[in-house]
Amino acid sequence: TEPRMEQLIRARKAAALGLTTMLDPAQLADTAPMVAALQRLP
């Protein structure tokens, strides 16, 4: 999200279109969301 919002905007738009998924960087301190997201990838 720094120094630009470019990546966050692109990730949100891509997720809304169903092209990718995303994790909110605000959750960074918690390992569990990353584990769950990786487990869903297959």
PDB file of all heavy atoms in Angstrom:
ATOM      1  N   THR A   1       0.820  -1.222   0.000  1.00  0.00           N
ATOM      2  CA  THR A   1       0.000   0.000   0.000  1.00  0.00           C
ATOM      3  C   THR A   1       0.849   1.266   0.000  1.00  0.00           C
ATOM      4  O   THR A   1       0.306   2.371  -0.051  1.00  0.00           O
ATOM      5  CB  THR A   1      -0.929   0.018   1.223  1.00  0.00           C
ATOM      6  OG1 THR A   1      -0.144  -0.095   2.423  1.00  0.00           O
ATOM      7  CG2 THR A   1      -1.920  -1.131   1.167  1.00  0.00           C
ATOM      8  N   GLU A   2       2.155   1.132   0.046  1.00  0.00           N
ATOM      9  CA  GLU A   2       3.067   2.270   0.005  1.00  0.00           C
ATOM     10  C   GLU A   2       4.209   1.952  -0.963  1.00  0.00           C
ATOM     11  O   GLU A   2       4.612   0.795  -1.069  1.00  0.00           O
ATOM     12  CB  GLU A   2       3.654   2.566   1.406  1.00  0.00           C
ATOM     13  CG  GLU A   2       2.632   3.060   2.417  1.00  0.00           C
ATOM     14  CD  GLU A   2       2.085   4.432   2.099  1.00  0.00           C
ATOM     15  OE1 GLU A   2       2.717   5.163   1.302  1.00  0.00           O
ATOM     16  OE2 GLU A   2       1.021   4.772   2.628  1.00  0.00           O
ATOM     17  N   PRO A   3       4.753   2.935  -1.664  1.00  0.00           N
ATOM     18  CA  PRO A   3       4.369   4.354  -1.647  1.00  0.00           C
ATOM     19  C   PRO A   3       3.138   4.662  -2.494  1.00  0.00           C
ATOM     20  O   PRO A   3       2.677   5.794  -2.535  1.00  0.00           O
ATOM     21  CB  PRO A   3       5.609   5.032  -2.223  1.00  0.00           C
ATOM     22  CG  PRO A   3       6.157   4.012  -3.179  1.00  0.00           C
ATOM     23  CD  PRO A   3       5.887   2.679  -2.549  1.00  0.00           C
ATOM     24  N   ARG A   4       2.611   3.634  -3.195  1.00  0.00           N
ATOM     25  CA  ARG A   4       1.428   3.825  -4.022  1.00  0.00           C
ATOM     26  C   ARG A   4       0.354   2.821  -3.637  1.00  0.00           C
ATOM     27  O   ARG A   4       0.647   1.754  -3.119  1.00  0.00           O
ATOM     28  CB  ARG A   4       1.761   3.655  -5.519  1.00  0.00           C
ATOM     29  CG  ARG A   4       2.788   4.632  -6.042  1.00  0.00           C
ATOM     30  CD  ARG A   4       2.981   4.496  -7.546  1.00  0.00           C
ATOM     31  NE  ARG A   4       3.997   5.416  -8.020  1.00  0.00           N
ATOM     32  CZ  ARG A   4       3.786   6.697  -8.270  1.00  0.00           C
ATOM     33  NH1 ARG A   4       2.571   7.198  -8.097  1.00  0.00           N
ATOM     34  NH2 ARG A   4       4.756   7.488  -8.682  1.00  0.00           N
ATOM     35  N   MET A   5      -0.891   3.151  -3.990  1.00  0.00           N
ATOM     36  CA  MET A   5      -2.017   2.244  -3.784  1.00  0.00           C
ATOM     37  C   MET A   5      -2.270   1.366  -5.003  1.00  0.00           C
ATOM     38  O   MET A   5      -3.209   0.583  -5.032  1.00  0.00           O
ATOM     39  CB  MET A   5      -3.283   3.052  -3.471  1.00  0.00           C
ATOM     40  CG  MET A   5      -3.193   3.895  -2.215  1.00  0.00           C
ATOM     41  SD  MET A   5      -3.214   2.883  -0.725  1.00  0.00           S
ATOM     42  CE  MET A   5      -4.962   2.466  -0.656  1.00  0.00           C
ATOM     43  N   GLU A   6      -1.435   1.509  -6.015  1.00  0.00           N
ATOM     44  CA  GLU A   6      -1.617   0.810  -7.289  1.00  0.00           C
ATOM     45  C   GLU A   6      -1.901  -0.682  -7.123  1.00  0.00           C
ATOM     46  O   GLU A   6      -2.866  -1.218  -7.674  1.00  0.00           O
ATOM     47  CB  GLU A   6      -0.358   0.999  -8.152  1.00  0.00           C
ATOM     48  CG  GLU A   6      -0.283   0.089  -9.364  1.00  0.00           C
ATOM     49  CD  GLU A   6       1.139  -0.357  -9.665  1.00  0.00           C
ATOM     50  OE1 GLU A   6       2.089   0.239  -9.132  1.00  0.00           O
ATOM     51  OE2 GLU A   6       1.278  -1.314 -10.449  1.00  0.00           O
ATOM     52  N   GLN A   7      -1.041  -1.386  -6.355  1.00  0.00           N
ATOM     53  CA  GLN A   7      -1.183  -2.839  -6.247  1.00  0.00           C
ATOM     54  C   GLN A   7      -2.469  -3.225  -5.527  1.00  0.00           C
ATOM     55  O   GLN A   7      -3.129  -4.195  -5.906  1.00  0.00           O
ATOM     56  CB  GLN A   7       0.032  -3.432  -5.539  1.00  0.00           C
ATOM     57  CG  GLN A   7       1.302  -3.343  -6.356  1.00  0.00           C
ATOM     58  CD  GLN A   7       2.453  -4.086  -5.694  1.00  0.00           C
ATOM     59  OE1 GLN A   7       2.294  -4.711  -4.646  1.00  0.00           O
ATOM     60  NE2 GLN A   7       3.620  -4.029  -6.304  1.00  0.00           N
ATOM     61  N   LEU A   8      -2.833  -2.483  -4.504  1.00  0.00           N
ATOM     62  CA  LEU A   8      -4.061  -2.777  -3.768  1.00  0.00           C
ATOM     63  C   LEU A   8      -5.283  -2.577  -4.667  1.00  0.00           C
ATOM     64  O   LEU A   8      -6.209  -3.402  -4.665  1.00  0.00           O
ATOM     65  CB  LEU A   8      -4.161  -1.883  -2.533  1.00  0.00           C
ATOM     66  CG  LEU A   8      -5.398  -2.094  -1.656  1.00  0.00           C
ATOM     67  CD1 LEU A   8      -5.421  -3.507  -1.076  1.00  0.00           C
ATOM     68  CD2 LEU A   8      -5.443  -1.062  -0.518  1.00  0.00           C
ATOM     69  N   ILE A   9      -5.288  -1.511  -5.447  1.00  0.00           N
ATOM     70  CA  ILE A   9      -6.415  -1.247  -6.357  1.00  0.00           C
ATOM     71  C   ILE A   9      -6.506  -2.361  -7.398  1.00  0.00           C
ATOM     72  O   ILE A   9      -7.594  -2.884  -7.678  1.00  0.00           O
ATOM     73  CB  ILE A   9      -6.247   0.131  -7.029  1.00  0.00           C
ATOM     74  CG1 ILE A   9      -6.322   1.249  -5.988  1.00  0.00           C
ATOM     75  CG2 ILE A   9      -7.311   0.334  -8.106  1.00  0.00           C
ATOM     76  CD1 ILE A   9      -5.901   2.611  -6.514  1.00  0.00           C
ATOM     77  N   ARG A  10      -5.359  -2.732  -7.988  1.00  0.00           N
ATOM     78  CA  ARG A  10      -5.361  -3.793  -9.002  1.00  0.00           C
ATOM     79  C   ARG A  10      -5.831  -5.107  -8.397  1.00  0.00           C
ATOM     80  O   ARG A  10      -6.627  -5.840  -9.010  1.00  0.00           O
ATOM     81  CB  ARG A  10      -3.969  -3.950  -9.605  1.00  0.00           C
ATOM     82  CG  ARG A  10      -3.898  -5.053 -10.685  1.00  0.00           C
ATOM     83  CD  ARG A  10      -2.513  -5.187 -11.289  1.00  0.00           C
ATOM     84  NE  ARG A  10      -2.135  -3.975 -11.987  1.00  0.00           N
ATOM     85  CZ  ARG A  10      -1.160  -3.160 -11.601  1.00  0.00           C
ATOM     86  NH1 ARG A  10      -0.465  -3.437 -10.492  1.00  0.00           N
ATOM     87  NH2 ARG A  10      -0.873  -2.071 -12.284  1.00  0.00           N
ATOM     88  N   ALA A  11      -5.343  -5.437  -7.197  1.00  0.00           N
ATOM     89  CA  ALA A  11      -5.710  -6.707  -6.561  1.00  0.00           C
ATOM     90  C   ALA A  11      -7.205  -6.759  -6.258  1.00  0.00           C
ATOM     91  O   ALA A  11      -7.852  -7.793  -6.453  1.00  0.00           O
ATOM     92  CB  ALA A  11      -4.894  -6.898  -5.282  1.00  0.00           C
ATOM     93  N   ARG A  12      -7.764  -5.654  -5.774  1.00  0.00           N
ATOM     94  CA  ARG A  12      -9.192  -5.619  -5.469  1.00  0.00           C
ATOM     95  C   ARG A  12     -10.036  -5.773  -6.739  1.00  0.00           C
ATOM     96  O   ARG A  12     -11.032  -6.509  -6.756  1.00  0.00           O
ATOM     97  CB  ARG A  12      -9.545  -4.305  -4.762  1.00  0.00           C
ATOM     98  CG  ARG A  12      -9.122  -4.271  -3.299  1.00  0.00           C
ATOM     99  CD  ARG A  12      -9.381  -2.910  -2.686  1.00  0.00           C
ATOM    100  NE  ARG A  12      -9.145  -2.921  -1.244  1.00  0.00           N
ATOM    101  CZ  ARG A  12      -9.048  -1.828  -0.500  1.00  0.00           C
ATOM    102  NH1 ARG A  12      -9.173  -0.629  -1.067  1.00  0.00           N
ATOM    103  NH2 ARG A  12      -8.838  -1.922   0.803  1.00  0.00           N
ATOM    104  N   LYS A  13      -9.633  -5.101  -7.813  1.00  0.00           N
ATOM    105  CA  LYS A  13     -10.376  -5.202  -9.058  1.00  0.00           C
ATOM    106  C   LYS A  13     -10.276  -6.604  -9.640  1.00  0.00           C
ATOM    107  O   LYS A  13     -11.268  -7.171 -10.129  1.00  0.00           O
ATOM    108  CB  LYS A  13      -9.864  -4.165 -10.058  1.00  0.00           C
ATOM    109  CG  LYS A  13     -10.227  -2.727  -9.694  1.00  0.00           C
ATOM    110  CD  LYS A  13      -9.742  -1.753 -10.750  1.00  0.00           C
ATOM    111  CE  LYS A  13     -10.215  -0.336 -10.430  1.00  0.00           C
ATOM    112  NZ  LYS A  13      -9.785   0.642 -11.462  1.00  0.00           N
ATOM    113  N   ALA A  14      -9.072  -7.194  -9.594  1.00  0.00           N
ATOM    114  CA  ALA A  14      -8.881  -8.543 -10.123  1.00  0.00           C
ATOM    115  C   ALA A  14      -9.688  -9.563  -9.327  1.00  0.00           C
ATOM    116  O   ALA A  14     -10.284 -10.487  -9.900  1.00  0.00           O
ATOM    117  CB  ALA A  14      -7.397  -8.908 -10.098  1.00  0.00           C
ATOM    118  N   ALA A  15      -9.725  -9.394  -8.018  1.00  0.00           N
ATOM    119  CA  ALA A  15     -10.509 -10.311  -7.173  1.00  0.00           C
ATOM    120  C   ALA A  15     -11.999 -10.151  -7.453  1.00  0.00           C
ATOM    121  O   ALA A  15     -12.741 -11.144  -7.504  1.00  0.00           O
ATOM    122  CB  ALA A  15     -10.204 -10.053  -5.701  1.00  0.00           C
ATOM    123  N   ALA A  16     -12.447  -8.910  -7.653  1.00  0.00           N
ATOM    124  CA  ALA A  16     -13.865  -8.675  -7.931  1.00  0.00           C
ATOM    125  C   ALA A  16     -14.287  -9.308  -9.252  1.00  0.00           C
ATOM    126  O   ALA A  16     -15.433  -9.750  -9.405  1.00  0.00           O
ATOM    127  CB  ALA A  16     -14.143  -7.176  -7.960  1.00  0.00           C
ATOM    128  N   LEU A  17     -13.349  -9.379 -10.214  1.00  0.00           N
ATOM    129  CA  LEU A  17     -13.633 -10.001 -11.513  1.00  0.00           C
ATOM    130  C   LEU A  17     -13.440 -11.515 -11.486  1.00  0.00           C
ATOM    131  O   LEU A  17     -13.710 -12.189 -12.482  1.00  0.00           O
ATOM    132  CB  LEU A  17     -12.732  -9.392 -12.597  1.00  0.00           C
ATOM    133  CG  LEU A  17     -13.006  -7.938 -12.981  1.00  0.00           C
ATOM    134  CD1 LEU A  17     -11.943  -7.422 -13.930  1.00  0.00           C
ATOM    135  CD2 LEU A  17     -14.389  -7.799 -13.609  1.00  0.00           C
ATOM    136  N   GLY A  18     -12.941 -12.056 -10.357  1.00  0.00           N
ATOM    137  CA  GLY A  18     -12.712 -13.487 -10.250  1.00  0.00           C
ATOM    138  C   GLY A  18     -11.435 -13.969 -10.900  1.00  0.00           C
ATOM    139  O   GLY A  18     -11.248 -15.174 -11.111  1.00  0.00           O
ATOM    140  N   LEU A  19     -10.517 -13.044 -11.204  1.00  0.00           N
ATOM    141  CA  LEU A  19      -9.265 -13.415 -11.862  1.00  0.00           C
ATOM    142  C   LEU A  19      -8.244 -13.966 -10.880  1.00  0.00           C
ATOM    143  O   LEU A  19      -7.452 -14.855 -11.225  1.00  0.00           O
ATOM    144  CB  LEU A  19      -8.677 -12.197 -12.587  1.00  0.00           C
ATOM    145  CG  LEU A  19      -9.539 -11.594 -13.683  1.00  0.00           C
ATOM    146  CD1 LEU A  19      -8.979 -10.253 -14.139  1.00  0.00           C
ATOM    147  CD2 LEU A  19      -9.640 -12.552 -14.866  1.00  0.00           C
ATOM    148  N   THR A  20      -8.235 -13.430  -9.663  1.00  0.00           N
ATOM    149  CA  THR A  20      -7.305 -13.855  -8.616  1.00  0.00           C
ATOM    150  C   THR A  20      -8.037 -13.757  -7.282  1.00  0.00           C
ATOM    151  O   THR A  20      -9.174 -13.290  -7.211  1.00  0.00           O
ATOM    152  CB  THR A  20      -6.059 -12.943  -8.564  1.00  0.00           C
ATOM    153  OG1 THR A  20      -6.471 -11.611  -8.212  1.00  0.00           O
ATOM    154  CG2 THR A  20      -5.304 -12.908  -9.882  1.00  0.00           C
ATOM    155  N   THR A  21      -7.358 -14.173  -6.209  1.00  0.00           N
ATOM    156  CA  THR A  21      -7.807 -13.852  -4.864  1.00  0.00           C
ATOM    157  C   THR A  21      -6.777 -12.925  -4.236  1.00  0.00           C
ATOM    158  O   THR A  21      -5.691 -12.705  -4.792  1.00  0.00           O
ATOM    159  CB  THR A  21      -7.964 -15.127  -4.009  1.00  0.00           C
ATOM    160  OG1 THR A  21      -6.728 -15.864  -4.037  1.00  0.00           O
ATOM    161  CG2 THR A  21      -9.085 -16.005  -4.532  1.00  0.00           C
ATOM    162  N   MET A  22      -7.104 -12.357  -3.082  1.00  0.00           N
ATOM    163  CA  MET A  22      -6.155 -11.458  -2.429  1.00  0.00           C
ATOM    164  C   MET A  22      -6.271 -11.579  -0.925  1.00  0.00           C
ATOM    165  O   MET A  22      -7.299 -12.015  -0.391  1.00  0.00           O
ATOM    166  CB  MET A  22      -6.380 -10.010  -2.849  1.00  0.00           C
ATOM    167  CG  MET A  22      -7.662  -9.381  -2.355  1.00  0.00           C
ATOM    168  SD  MET A  22      -7.650  -7.560  -2.480  1.00  0.00           S
ATOM    169  CE  MET A  22      -6.652  -7.125  -1.043  1.00  0.00           C
ATOM    170  N   LEU A  23      -5.191 -11.205  -0.259  1.00  0.00           N
ATOM    171  CA  LEU A  23      -5.176 -11.074   1.192  1.00  0.00           C
ATOM    172  C   LEU A  23      -4.977  -9.612   1.536  1.00  0.00           C
ATOM    173  O   LEU A  23      -4.118  -8.946   0.956  1.00  0.00           O
ATOM    174  CB  LEU A  23      -4.049 -11.898   1.815  1.00  0.00           C
ATOM    175  CG  LEU A  23      -4.323 -13.376   2.111  1.00  0.00           C
ATOM    176  CD1 LEU A  23      -3.094 -14.005   2.765  1.00  0.00           C
ATOM    177  CD2 LEU A  23      -5.534 -13.546   3.017  1.00  0.00           C
ATOM    178  N   ASP A  24      -5.762  -9.124   2.476  1.00  0.00           N
ATOM    179  CA  ASP A  24      -5.636  -7.741   2.921  1.00  0.00           C
ATOM    180  C   ASP A  24      -4.329  -7.592   3.696  1.00  0.00           C
ATOM    181  O   ASP A  24      -4.101  -8.296   4.680  1.00  0.00           O
ATOM    182  CB  ASP A  24      -6.818  -7.390   3.817  1.00  0.00           C
ATOM    183  CG  ASP A  24      -6.881  -5.905   4.139  1.00  0.00           C
ATOM    184  OD1 ASP A  24      -5.823  -5.238   4.112  1.00  0.00           O
ATOM    185  OD2 ASP A  24      -7.982  -5.419   4.426  1.00  0.00           O
ATOM    186  N   PRO A  25      -3.431  -6.694   3.261  1.00  0.00           N
ATOM    187  CA  PRO A  25      -2.171  -6.509   3.979  1.00  0.00           C
ATOM    188  C   PRO A  25      -2.354  -6.061   5.420  1.00  0.00           C
ATOM    189  O   PRO A  25      -1.427  -6.157   6.223  1.00  0.00           O
ATOM    190  CB  PRO A  25      -1.433  -5.454   3.145  1.00  0.00           C
ATOM    191  CG  PRO A  25      -2.477  -4.806   2.306  1.00  0.00           C
ATOM    192  CD  PRO A  25      -3.536  -5.832   2.078  1.00  0.00           C
ATOM    193  N   ALA A  26      -3.554  -5.595   5.781  1.00  0.00           N
ATOM    194  CA  ALA A  26      -3.818  -5.220   7.168  1.00  0.00           C
ATOM    195  C   ALA A  26      -3.787  -6.427   8.095  1.00  0.00           C
ATOM    196  O   ALA A  26      -3.660  -6.286   9.308  1.00  0.00           O
ATOM    197  CB  ALA A  26      -5.166  -4.514   7.275  1.00  0.00           C
ATOM    198  N   GLN A  27      -3.901  -7.646   7.543  1.00  0.00           N
ATOM    199  CA  GLN A  27      -3.868  -8.883   8.331  1.00  0.00           C
ATOM    200  C   GLN A  27      -2.463  -9.441   8.499  1.00  0.00           C
ATOM    201  O   GLN A  27      -2.282 -10.537   9.034  1.00  0.00           O
ATOM    202  CB  GLN A  27      -4.739  -9.948   7.657  1.00  0.00           C
ATOM    203  CG  GLN A  27      -6.209  -9.591   7.545  1.00  0.00           C
ATOM    204  CD  GLN A  27      -6.976 -10.671   6.807  1.00  0.00           C
ATOM    205  OE1 GLN A  27      -6.865 -10.834   5.607  1.00  0.00           O
ATOM    206  NE2 GLN A  27      -7.763 -11.440   7.546  1.00  0.00           N
ATOM    207  N   LEU A  28      -1.477  -8.699   8.074  1.00  0.00           N
ATOM    208  CA  LEU A  28      -0.108  -9.185   7.974  1.00  0.00           C
ATOM    209  C   LEU A  28       0.428  -9.812   9.252  1.00  0.00           C
ATOM    210  O   LEU A  28       1.196 -10.788   9.219  1.00  0.00           O
ATOM    211  CB  LEU A  28       0.805  -8.030   7.539  1.00  0.00           C
ATOM    212  CG  LEU A  28       2.242  -8.350   7.170  1.00  0.00           C
ATOM    213  CD1 LEU A  28       2.299  -9.156   5.889  1.00  0.00           C
ATOM    214  CD2 LEU A  28       3.044  -7.057   7.007  1.00  0.00           C
ATOM    215  N   ALA A  29       0.057  -9.296  10.402  1.00  0.00           N
ATOM    216  CA  ALA A  29       0.623  -9.783  11.664  1.00  0.00           C
ATOM    217  C   ALA A  29       0.144 -11.192  12.022  1.00  0.00           C
ATOM    218  O   ALA A  29       0.764 -11.865  12.851  1.00  0.00           O
ATOM    219  CB  ALA A  29       0.279  -8.811  12.793  1.00  0.00           C
ATOM    220  N   ASP A  30      -0.936 -11.654  11.408  1.00  0.00           N
ATOM    221  CA  ASP A  30      -1.536 -12.942  11.747  1.00  0.00           C
ATOM    222  C   ASP A  30      -1.174 -13.977  10.683  1.00  0.00           C
ATOM    223  O   ASP A  30      -1.481 -13.795   9.501  1.00  0.00           O
ATOM    224  CB  ASP A  30      -3.057 -12.775  11.839  1.00  0.00           C
ATOM    225  CG  ASP A  30      -3.763 -14.020  12.373  1.00  0.00           C
ATOM    226  OD1 ASP A  30      -3.071 -15.029  12.640  1.00  0.00           O
ATOM    227  OD2 ASP A  30      -4.996 -13.974  12.509  1.00  0.00           O
ATOM    228  N   THR A  31      -0.532 -15.059  11.095  1.00  0.00           N
ATOM    229  CA  THR A  31      -0.114 -16.091  10.151  1.00  0.00           C
ATOM    230  C   THR A  31      -1.291 -16.899   9.611  1.00  0.00           C
ATOM    231  O   THR A  31      -1.275 -17.366   8.462  1.00  0.00           O
ATOM    232  CB  THR A  31       0.883 -17.055  10.821  1.00  0.00           C
ATOM    233  OG1 THR A  31       1.989 -16.300  11.326  1.00  0.00           O
ATOM    234  CG2 THR A  31       1.403 -18.102   9.850  1.00  0.00           C
ATOM    235  N   ALA A  32      -2.345 -17.062  10.397  1.00  0.00           N
ATOM    236  CA  ALA A  32      -3.457 -17.946  10.041  1.00  0.00           C
ATOM    237  C   ALA A  32      -4.113 -17.603   8.704  1.00  0.00           C
ATOM    238  O   ALA A  32      -4.420 -18.512   7.923  1.00  0.00           O
ATOM    239  CB  ALA A  32      -4.495 -17.950  11.168  1.00  0.00           C
ATOM    240  N   PRO A  33      -4.377 -16.317   8.387  1.00  0.00           N
ATOM    241  CA  PRO A  33      -4.996 -16.035   7.085  1.00  0.00           C
ATOM    242  C   PRO A  33      -4.150 -16.500   5.903  1.00  0.00           C
ATOM    243  O   PRO A  33      -4.699 -16.958   4.898  1.00  0.00           O
ATOM    244  CB  PRO A  33      -5.143 -14.505   7.093  1.00  0.00           C
ATOM    245  CG  PRO A  33      -5.207 -14.133   8.543  1.00  0.00           C
ATOM    246  CD  PRO A  33      -4.275 -15.096   9.217  1.00  0.00           C
ATOM    247  N   MET A  34      -2.829 -16.401   6.015  1.00  0.00           N
ATOM    248  CA  MET A  34      -1.969 -16.865   4.940  1.00  0.00           C
ATOM    249  C   MET A  34      -2.039 -18.382   4.813  1.00  0.00           C
ATOM    250  O   MET A  34      -2.140 -18.920   3.695  1.00  0.00           O
ATOM    251  CB  MET A  34      -0.518 -16.416   5.169  1.00  0.00           C
ATOM    252  CG  MET A  34       0.480 -16.943   4.131  1.00  0.00           C
ATOM    253  SD  MET A  34       0.123 -16.422   2.420  1.00  0.00           S
ATOM    254  CE  MET A  34       0.652 -14.698   2.474  1.00  0.00           C
ATOM    255  N   VAL A  35      -2.007 -19.090   5.930  1.00  0.00           N
ATOM    256  CA  VAL A  35      -2.116 -20.555   5.893  1.00  0.00           C
ATOM    257  C   VAL A  35      -3.419 -20.962   5.217  1.00  0.00           C
ATOM    258  O   VAL A  35      -3.440 -21.820   4.317  1.00  0.00           O
ATOM    259  CB  VAL A  35      -2.040 -21.147   7.318  1.00  0.00           C
ATOM    260  CG1 VAL A  35      -2.395 -22.644   7.300  1.00  0.00           C
ATOM    261  CG2 VAL A  35      -0.644 -20.946   7.900  1.00  0.00           C
ATOM    262  N   ALA A  36      -4.508 -20.349   5.621  1.00  0.00           N
ATOM    263  CA  ALA A  36      -5.816 -20.689   5.046  1.00  0.00           C
ATOM    264  C   ALA A  36      -5.878 -20.372   3.559  1.00  0.00           C
ATOM    265  O   ALA A  36      -6.433 -21.149   2.765  1.00  0.00           O
ATOM    266  CB  ALA A  36      -6.917 -19.948   5.795  1.00  0.00           C
ATOM    267  N   ALA A  37      -5.309 -19.244   3.158  1.00  0.00           N
ATOM    268  CA  ALA A  37      -5.332 -18.848   1.743  1.00  0.00           C
ATOM    269  C   ALA A  37      -4.521 -19.815   0.890  1.00  0.00           C
ATOM    270  O   ALA A  37      -4.925 -20.178  -0.219  1.00  0.00           O
ATOM    271  CB  ALA A  37      -4.798 -17.431   1.594  1.00  0.00           C
ATOM    272  N   LEU A  38      -3.373 -20.241   1.398  1.00  0.00           N
ATOM    273  CA  LEU A  38      -2.550 -21.212   0.666  1.00  0.00           C
ATOM    274  C   LEU A  38      -3.261 -22.560   0.551  1.00  0.00           C
ATOM    275  O   LEU A  38      -3.175 -23.237  -0.487  1.00  0.00           O
ATOM    276  CB  LEU A  38      -1.192 -21.380   1.347  1.00  0.00           C
ATOM    277  CG  LEU A  38      -0.273 -20.155   1.360  1.00  0.00           C
ATOM    278  CD1 LEU A  38       1.029 -20.474   2.091  1.00  0.00           C
ATOM    279  CD2 LEU A  38       0.028 -19.665  -0.050  1.00  0.00           C
ATOM    280  N   GLN A  39      -3.953 -22.947   1.576  1.00  0.00           N
ATOM    281  CA  GLN A  39      -4.672 -24.220   1.549  1.00  0.00           C
ATOM    282  C   GLN A  39      -5.843 -24.202   0.575  1.00  0.00           C
ATOM    283  O   GLN A  39      -6.250 -25.252   0.064  1.00  0.00           O
ATOM    284  CB  GLN A  39      -5.148 -24.575   2.966  1.00  0.00           C
ATOM    285  CG  GLN A  39      -4.009 -24.955   3.909  1.00  0.00           C
ATOM    286  CD  GLN A  39      -4.457 -25.131   5.344  1.00  0.00           C
ATOM    287  OE1 GLN A  39      -5.476 -24.567   5.765  1.00  0.00           O
ATOM    288  NE2 GLN A  39      -3.697 -25.889   6.135  1.00  0.00           N
ATOM    289  N   ARG A  40      -6.389 -23.018   0.301  1.00  0.00           N
ATOM    290  CA  ARG A  40      -7.504 -22.908  -0.647  1.00  0.00           C
ATOM    291  C   ARG A  40      -7.047 -22.853  -2.103  1.00  0.00           C
ATOM    292  O   ARG A  40      -7.843 -23.075  -3.025  1.00  0.00           O
ATOM    293  CB  ARG A  40      -8.336 -21.651  -0.344  1.00  0.00           C
ATOM    294  CG  ARG A  40      -9.176 -21.733   0.920  1.00  0.00           C
ATOM    295  CD  ARG A  40     -10.178 -20.573   0.976  1.00  0.00           C
ATOM    296  NE  ARG A  40      -9.524 -19.275   1.031  1.00  0.00           N
ATOM    297  CZ  ARG A  40      -9.228 -18.626   2.156  1.00  0.00           C
ATOM    298  NH1 ARG A  40      -9.524 -19.169   3.338  1.00  0.00           N
ATOM    299  NH2 ARG A  40      -8.646 -17.439   2.123  1.00  0.00           N
ATOM    300  N   LEU A  41      -5.791 -22.562  -2.330  1.00  0.00           N
ATOM    301  CA  LEU A  41      -5.312 -22.342  -3.692  1.00  0.00           C
ATOM    302  C   LEU A  41      -5.556 -23.523  -4.641  1.00  0.00           C
ATOM    303  O   LEU A  41      -5.880 -23.303  -5.818  1.00  0.00           O
ATOM    304  CB  LEU A  41      -3.823 -21.975  -3.682  1.00  0.00           C
ATOM    305  CG  LEU A  41      -3.484 -20.473  -3.706  1.00  0.00           C
ATOM    306  CD1 LEU A  41      -1.980 -20.264  -3.641  1.00  0.00           C
ATOM    307  CD2 LEU A  41      -4.046 -19.813  -4.961  1.00  0.00           C
ATOM    308  N   PRO A  42      -5.398 -24.781  -4.225  1.00  0.00           N
ATOM    309  CA  PRO A  42      -5.624 -25.882  -5.184  1.00  0.00           C
ATOM    310  C   PRO A  42      -7.050 -25.919  -5.737  1.00  0.00           C
ATOM    311  O   PRO A  42      -7.277 -26.462  -6.825  1.00  0.00           O
ATOM    312  CB  PRO A  42      -5.323 -27.135  -4.352  1.00  0.00           C
ATOM    313  CG  PRO A  42      -4.386 -26.674  -3.291  1.00  0.00           C
ATOM    314  CD  PRO A  42      -4.847 -25.284  -2.947  1.00  0.00           C
TER     315      PRO A  42
END
